[in-house]
Amino acid sequence: MIKTKFALFIFALLVVSCNSTKPVVRTTSKPKVVSKKQPVTQTKTNPTTTKPNTNTNTSTPTTTKTNSEVNLEATSNVKTYAEEIQSYVSNFKDIAMNNMRVHGIPASITLAQGILESGAGKGKLAMSANNHFGIKCHTGWTGESVKHDDDAAQECFRKYEHPSESYRDHSLFLTSRPRYSSLFKLDKGDYESWAKGLKAAGYATDVKYPDKLIGLIERFELFKYDTEVLGNQPKPVKKEVVVAQGGDFYTIQQGDTLYSLSKRFNLSVDAIKKLNNMSDNTISIGQQIKLK
């Protein structure tokens, strides 16, 4: 029994001895294969760095407006251009002149208010409600309406099927309300008085509202539509020029504006205002202004 155990012990030692001499690093015989394998990130092309720049058109034409920009700030606060305003006038001058014949409101005033209030047709109310004059619903309005922020948030404004209805309602609005009755005592060719009268009657809260209307009328010569309706031509009478204190002075007469004087005497409006220390465009009949 002892011999048998001893024999088994010797056999076990031989087995262990054989296993201990067996190479165990044979897996390292392929190190070259591993070392030759390159990381895939080294051969992958980065498309963001190799993609050619296709945006080579550095001279892409842009749409620009060559005519002067006009800011219109009334019910509509938009930027438009002289060319767009001229187009607006072409579209609505006949309606304005017809309303002048029927209701007695100067076409120049109607057009200037339409331009200012609607942003030459580009304002929100004009686009969504065909409301070109910022007329609010007021008591008695039974037509459609829209909400719009003005003097207060979400005020009620009238909505029309077509801009021509807005023009007609503008005339009816002025002729039917007592507070505007004083306007119809004014000369229909005196757009300055009409512009100031509208503000005085409460049509707008903007203190510069008359100046804005007058500026539009003079810049775009809207007064010529009044002349056409009235059937007379602008009076080409030679205005009196008074020479005093060694300088040239002009005496303001009815119908004069700084714009018309600038054309007559070949001076800019700003130049006339600077010569006379004027802060705005207000002039009065009989006033003498310096021209040199």
Protein backbone atom coordinates (compact mmCIF):
# COMPACT_ATOMS: atom_id res chain seq x y z
CA MET A 1 0.00 0.00 0.00
CA ILE A 2 2.83 2.32 0.86
CA LYS A 3 4.59 1.47 -2.38
CA THR A 4 1.48 2.21 -4.31
CA LYS A 5 1.09 5.69 -2.77
CA PHE A 6 4.74 6.36 -3.35
CA ALA A 7 4.41 5.39 -6.98
CA LEU A 8 1.45 7.73 -7.41
CA PHE A 9 3.40 10.54 -5.77
CA ILE A 10 6.32 10.05 -8.17
CA PHE A 11 3.94 10.04 -11.15
CA ALA A 12 2.34 13.27 -10.00
CA LEU A 13 5.74 14.93 -9.72
CA LEU A 14 6.58 13.85 -13.26
CA VAL A 15 3.29 15.32 -14.57
CA VAL A 16 3.92 18.65 -12.81
CA SER A 17 7.46 18.69 -14.09
CA CYS A 18 6.28 18.16 -17.68
CA ASN A 19 3.68 20.94 -17.44
CA SER A 20 6.22 23.36 -15.98
CA THR A 21 8.49 22.94 -19.00
CA LYS A 22 5.67 23.54 -21.54
CA PRO A 23 6.09 26.94 -23.20
CA VAL A 24 3.43 29.34 -22.02
CA VAL A 25 4.49 32.35 -24.15
CA ARG A 26 3.66 30.81 -27.47
CA THR A 27 0.88 33.41 -27.94
CA THR A 28 3.55 36.06 -28.19
CA SER A 29 4.70 34.56 -31.42
CA LYS A 30 2.35 36.96 -33.29
CA PRO A 31 3.46 40.33 -31.96
CA LYS A 32 4.28 41.59 -35.44
CA VAL A 33 0.70 41.06 -36.59
CA VAL A 34 -0.59 43.14 -33.72
CA SER A 35 2.00 45.87 -34.15
CA LYS A 36 1.36 46.12 -37.88
CA LYS A 37 -2.34 46.70 -37.40
CA GLN A 38 -2.93 50.46 -37.54
CA PRO A 39 -5.67 52.16 -35.57
CA VAL A 40 -8.64 52.82 -37.79
CA THR A 41 -8.78 56.41 -36.59
CA GLN A 42 -5.45 57.09 -38.30
CA THR A 43 -6.73 56.16 -41.74
CA LYS A 44 -10.27 57.52 -41.47
CA THR A 45 -10.78 60.74 -43.41
CA ASN A 46 -12.44 63.54 -41.54
CA PRO A 47 -15.04 64.92 -43.93
CA THR A 48 -15.28 68.21 -42.13
CA THR A 49 -11.65 69.00 -42.83
CA THR A 50 -11.33 67.62 -46.32
CA LYS A 51 -14.68 68.65 -47.80
CA PRO A 52 -14.06 71.42 -50.30
CA ASN A 53 -15.65 74.78 -49.68
CA THR A 54 -18.59 74.97 -52.04
CA ASN A 55 -19.58 78.48 -50.97
CA THR A 56 -17.42 80.19 -53.54
CA ASN A 57 -19.99 82.70 -54.64
CA THR A 58 -18.80 85.69 -52.64
CA SER A 59 -20.51 88.12 -54.93
CA THR A 60 -24.07 86.89 -54.56
CA PRO A 61 -26.30 89.81 -55.47
CA THR A 62 -28.50 91.16 -52.72
CA THR A 63 -31.77 92.97 -53.07
CA THR A 64 -31.28 96.60 -52.15
CA LYS A 65 -33.42 99.67 -52.28
CA THR A 66 -31.80 102.55 -54.08
CA ASN A 67 -34.40 105.07 -53.03
CA SER A 68 -34.58 106.62 -49.60
CA GLU A 69 -36.04 104.82 -46.63
CA VAL A 70 -39.05 106.27 -44.85
CA ASN A 71 -40.06 105.46 -41.30
CA LEU A 72 -43.82 105.56 -40.80
CA GLU A 73 -44.84 105.65 -37.15
CA ALA A 74 -48.55 105.94 -36.52
CA THR A 75 -50.97 103.05 -36.07
CA SER A 76 -48.41 101.12 -38.14
CA ASN A 77 -44.75 101.34 -37.23
CA VAL A 78 -42.99 100.17 -40.35
CA LYS A 79 -40.11 101.02 -42.62
CA THR A 80 -40.90 101.58 -46.24
CA TYR A 81 -39.33 103.28 -49.23
CA ALA A 82 -40.19 106.26 -51.39
CA GLU A 83 -40.80 103.97 -54.35
CA GLU A 84 -43.34 101.95 -52.36
CA ILE A 85 -45.11 105.09 -51.21
CA GLN A 86 -45.32 106.35 -54.79
CA SER A 87 -46.83 103.02 -55.80
CA TYR A 88 -49.35 103.30 -52.96
CA VAL A 89 -50.33 106.78 -54.12
CA SER A 90 -50.82 105.52 -57.68
CA ASN A 91 -53.15 102.81 -56.39
CA PHE A 92 -55.35 105.06 -54.27
CA LYS A 93 -55.18 108.60 -55.67
CA ASP A 94 -58.33 108.17 -57.78
CA ILE A 95 -60.30 106.93 -54.76
CA ALA A 96 -58.99 109.84 -52.68
CA MET A 97 -59.91 112.40 -55.35
CA ASN A 98 -63.39 110.94 -55.78
CA ASN A 99 -63.94 111.07 -52.02
CA MET A 100 -62.82 114.70 -52.09
CA ARG A 101 -65.47 115.49 -54.70
CA VAL A 102 -68.19 113.73 -52.73
CA HIS A 103 -67.26 114.49 -49.12
CA GLY A 104 -65.01 117.57 -49.29
CA ILE A 105 -61.90 116.14 -47.63
CA PRO A 106 -58.66 117.12 -49.43
CA ALA A 107 -57.27 114.20 -51.39
CA SER A 108 -53.80 115.10 -50.11
CA ILE A 109 -54.95 114.68 -46.51
CA THR A 110 -56.68 111.38 -47.23
CA LEU A 111 -53.63 109.98 -49.04
CA ALA A 112 -51.17 111.21 -46.41
CA GLN A 113 -53.24 109.68 -43.63
CA GLY A 114 -53.53 106.43 -45.56
CA ILE A 115 -49.77 106.30 -46.09
CA LEU A 116 -48.99 107.12 -42.48
CA GLU A 117 -51.62 105.00 -40.78
CA SER A 118 -51.21 101.92 -42.99
CA GLY A 119 -47.46 102.05 -43.50
CA ALA A 120 -48.12 102.49 -47.23
CA GLY A 121 -50.24 99.35 -47.08
CA LYS A 122 -47.59 97.28 -45.26
CA GLY A 123 -48.88 97.66 -41.70
CA LYS A 124 -50.55 94.92 -39.71
CA LEU A 125 -54.03 96.48 -39.76
CA ALA A 126 -53.86 97.12 -43.49
CA MET A 127 -52.71 93.56 -44.19
CA SER A 128 -55.10 91.77 -41.84
CA ALA A 129 -58.15 94.03 -41.90
CA ASN A 130 -57.82 96.35 -44.95
CA ASN A 131 -57.95 99.16 -42.39
CA HIS A 132 -55.78 101.93 -43.85
CA PHE A 133 -56.69 104.71 -41.40
CA GLY A 134 -56.46 103.09 -37.99
CA ILE A 135 -60.16 103.65 -37.36
CA LYS A 136 -61.26 101.96 -34.15
CA CYS A 137 -64.61 100.24 -33.69
CA HIS A 138 -66.26 102.96 -31.59
CA THR A 139 -69.89 102.82 -30.52
CA GLY A 140 -72.29 101.77 -33.24
CA TRP A 141 -69.88 99.72 -35.35
CA THR A 142 -71.56 96.45 -36.31
CA GLY A 143 -69.09 95.17 -38.87
CA GLU A 144 -66.17 92.79 -38.43
CA SER A 145 -63.28 93.77 -36.23
CA VAL A 146 -59.77 92.79 -35.18
CA LYS A 147 -57.74 93.34 -32.03
CA HIS A 148 -54.59 95.43 -32.22
CA ASP A 149 -52.28 97.10 -29.70
CA ASP A 150 -52.38 100.89 -30.00
CA ASP A 151 -52.84 103.41 -27.19
CA ALA A 152 -53.88 100.42 -25.10
CA ALA A 153 -53.43 96.68 -25.50
CA GLN A 154 -55.78 94.75 -27.78
CA GLU A 155 -58.04 97.60 -28.86
CA CYS A 156 -60.88 97.00 -31.29
CA PHE A 157 -60.31 98.13 -34.90
CA ARG A 158 -62.66 97.96 -37.87
CA LYS A 159 -62.16 95.32 -40.53
CA TYR A 160 -63.11 95.76 -44.20
CA GLU A 161 -63.47 93.50 -47.21
CA HIS A 162 -61.46 95.85 -49.44
CA PRO A 163 -59.24 98.91 -48.89
CA SER A 164 -61.68 101.06 -50.89
CA GLU A 165 -64.25 100.46 -48.13
CA SER A 166 -61.72 101.76 -45.63
CA TYR A 167 -61.29 104.93 -47.71
CA ARG A 168 -65.04 105.46 -47.90
CA ASP A 169 -65.46 104.84 -44.17
CA HIS A 170 -62.69 107.33 -43.45
CA SER A 171 -64.67 110.05 -45.25
CA LEU A 172 -67.92 109.06 -43.53
CA PHE A 173 -66.14 108.95 -40.18
CA LEU A 174 -64.95 112.55 -40.52
CA THR A 175 -68.19 113.94 -41.97
CA SER A 176 -70.49 112.26 -39.45
CA ARG A 177 -68.77 113.26 -36.20
CA PRO A 178 -69.40 116.74 -34.78
CA ARG A 179 -65.89 117.12 -33.43
CA TYR A 180 -64.52 117.24 -36.99
CA SER A 181 -67.09 119.76 -38.24
CA SER A 182 -64.66 122.67 -37.95
CA LEU A 183 -62.47 121.04 -40.59
CA PHE A 184 -65.08 121.56 -43.28
CA LYS A 185 -64.97 125.32 -42.77
CA LEU A 186 -61.34 125.29 -43.96
CA ASP A 187 -60.14 125.92 -47.49
CA LYS A 188 -60.00 122.54 -49.26
CA GLY A 189 -56.65 123.55 -50.73
CA ASP A 190 -55.14 124.37 -47.32
CA TYR A 191 -53.72 120.99 -46.35
CA GLU A 192 -51.64 122.46 -43.52
CA SER A 193 -54.71 123.71 -41.69
CA TRP A 194 -56.44 120.39 -42.26
CA ALA A 195 -53.47 118.49 -40.86
CA LYS A 196 -53.38 120.65 -37.74
CA GLY A 197 -57.17 120.56 -37.45
CA LEU A 198 -57.21 116.76 -37.40
CA LYS A 199 -54.81 116.72 -34.45
CA ALA A 200 -56.75 119.45 -32.64
CA ALA A 201 -59.99 117.49 -33.10
CA GLY A 202 -58.43 114.42 -31.53
CA TYR A 203 -57.90 112.16 -34.54
CA ALA A 204 -54.42 111.21 -33.27
CA THR A 205 -52.56 111.53 -29.98
CA ASP A 206 -49.13 111.98 -31.60
CA VAL A 207 -48.10 115.63 -31.16
CA LYS A 208 -46.12 115.41 -34.40
CA TYR A 209 -49.04 114.05 -36.39
CA PRO A 210 -49.63 117.28 -38.38
CA ASP A 211 -45.93 117.60 -39.25
CA LYS A 212 -45.86 114.00 -40.45
CA LEU A 213 -48.86 114.56 -42.72
CA ILE A 214 -47.48 117.82 -44.07
CA GLY A 215 -44.09 116.24 -44.66
CA LEU A 216 -45.63 113.43 -46.71
CA ILE A 217 -47.83 115.82 -48.69
CA GLU A 218 -44.91 118.02 -49.61
CA ARG A 219 -42.36 115.32 -50.24
CA PHE A 220 -44.65 113.36 -52.57
CA GLU A 221 -46.50 116.41 -53.92
CA LEU A 222 -49.89 115.08 -52.89
CA PHE A 223 -51.31 118.61 -53.04
CA LYS A 224 -51.47 118.32 -56.83
CA TYR A 225 -54.46 115.97 -56.46
CA ASP A 226 -56.30 118.68 -54.53
CA THR A 227 -55.53 121.07 -57.37
CA GLU A 228 -56.86 118.60 -59.92
CA VAL A 229 -60.15 118.22 -58.08
CA LEU A 230 -60.53 121.93 -57.46
CA GLY A 231 -59.95 122.57 -61.15
CA ASN A 232 -57.33 125.25 -60.72
CA GLN A 233 -53.59 125.45 -61.06
CA PRO A 234 -51.19 126.47 -58.33
CA LYS A 235 -51.10 130.25 -58.33
CA PRO A 236 -47.83 131.23 -60.02
CA VAL A 237 -47.98 134.80 -58.76
CA LYS A 238 -44.65 136.24 -57.89
CA LYS A 239 -44.32 136.37 -54.14
CA GLU A 240 -43.15 139.53 -52.47
CA VAL A 241 -39.52 139.66 -51.46
CA VAL A 242 -38.70 142.36 -48.94
CA VAL A 243 -35.15 143.57 -48.67
CA ALA A 244 -34.34 144.69 -45.18
CA GLN A 245 -31.36 145.02 -42.90
CA GLY A 246 -28.99 144.33 -45.76
CA GLY A 247 -30.35 140.84 -46.39
CA ASP A 248 -33.00 139.14 -48.49
CA PHE A 249 -36.24 138.33 -46.70
CA TYR A 250 -39.43 136.76 -47.90
CA THR A 251 -42.91 137.43 -46.55
CA ILE A 252 -44.94 134.26 -46.02
CA GLN A 253 -48.25 134.18 -47.87
CA GLN A 254 -51.20 131.81 -47.83
CA GLY A 255 -50.35 128.40 -49.23
CA ASP A 256 -46.61 128.70 -48.62
CA THR A 257 -44.71 125.81 -47.08
CA LEU A 258 -41.04 125.38 -46.39
CA TYR A 259 -40.95 122.73 -49.07
CA SER A 260 -42.49 124.99 -51.73
CA LEU A 261 -40.15 127.82 -50.72
CA SER A 262 -37.15 125.53 -50.93
CA LYS A 263 -38.09 124.76 -54.53
CA ARG A 264 -38.80 128.40 -55.39
CA PHE A 265 -35.56 129.77 -53.95
CA ASN A 266 -33.33 126.75 -54.62
CA LEU A 267 -32.61 126.16 -50.95
CA SER A 268 -33.06 123.03 -48.91
CA VAL A 269 -35.67 123.02 -46.14
CA ASP A 270 -32.90 122.44 -43.60
CA ALA A 271 -30.98 125.43 -44.95
CA ILE A 272 -34.02 127.72 -44.55
CA LYS A 273 -34.61 126.45 -41.03
CA LYS A 274 -30.96 126.99 -40.12
CA LEU A 275 -30.94 130.54 -41.51
CA ASN A 276 -33.98 131.38 -39.41
CA ASN A 277 -33.20 129.34 -36.29
CA MET A 278 -36.39 127.31 -36.78
CA SER A 279 -36.93 124.16 -34.74
CA ASP A 280 -39.81 122.87 -36.86
CA ASN A 281 -41.61 123.51 -40.17
CA THR A 282 -44.22 125.88 -38.76
CA ILE A 283 -44.62 129.18 -40.61
CA SER A 284 -47.40 131.77 -40.58
CA ILE A 285 -48.83 134.29 -43.02
CA GLY A 286 -47.01 137.62 -42.80
CA GLN A 287 -43.93 136.12 -41.23
CA GLN A 288 -40.62 137.21 -42.77
CA ILE A 289 -37.94 134.62 -43.24
CA LYS A 290 -34.33 135.13 -44.18
CA LEU A 291 -33.15 133.60 -47.44
CA LYS A 292 -29.45 134.54 -47.36
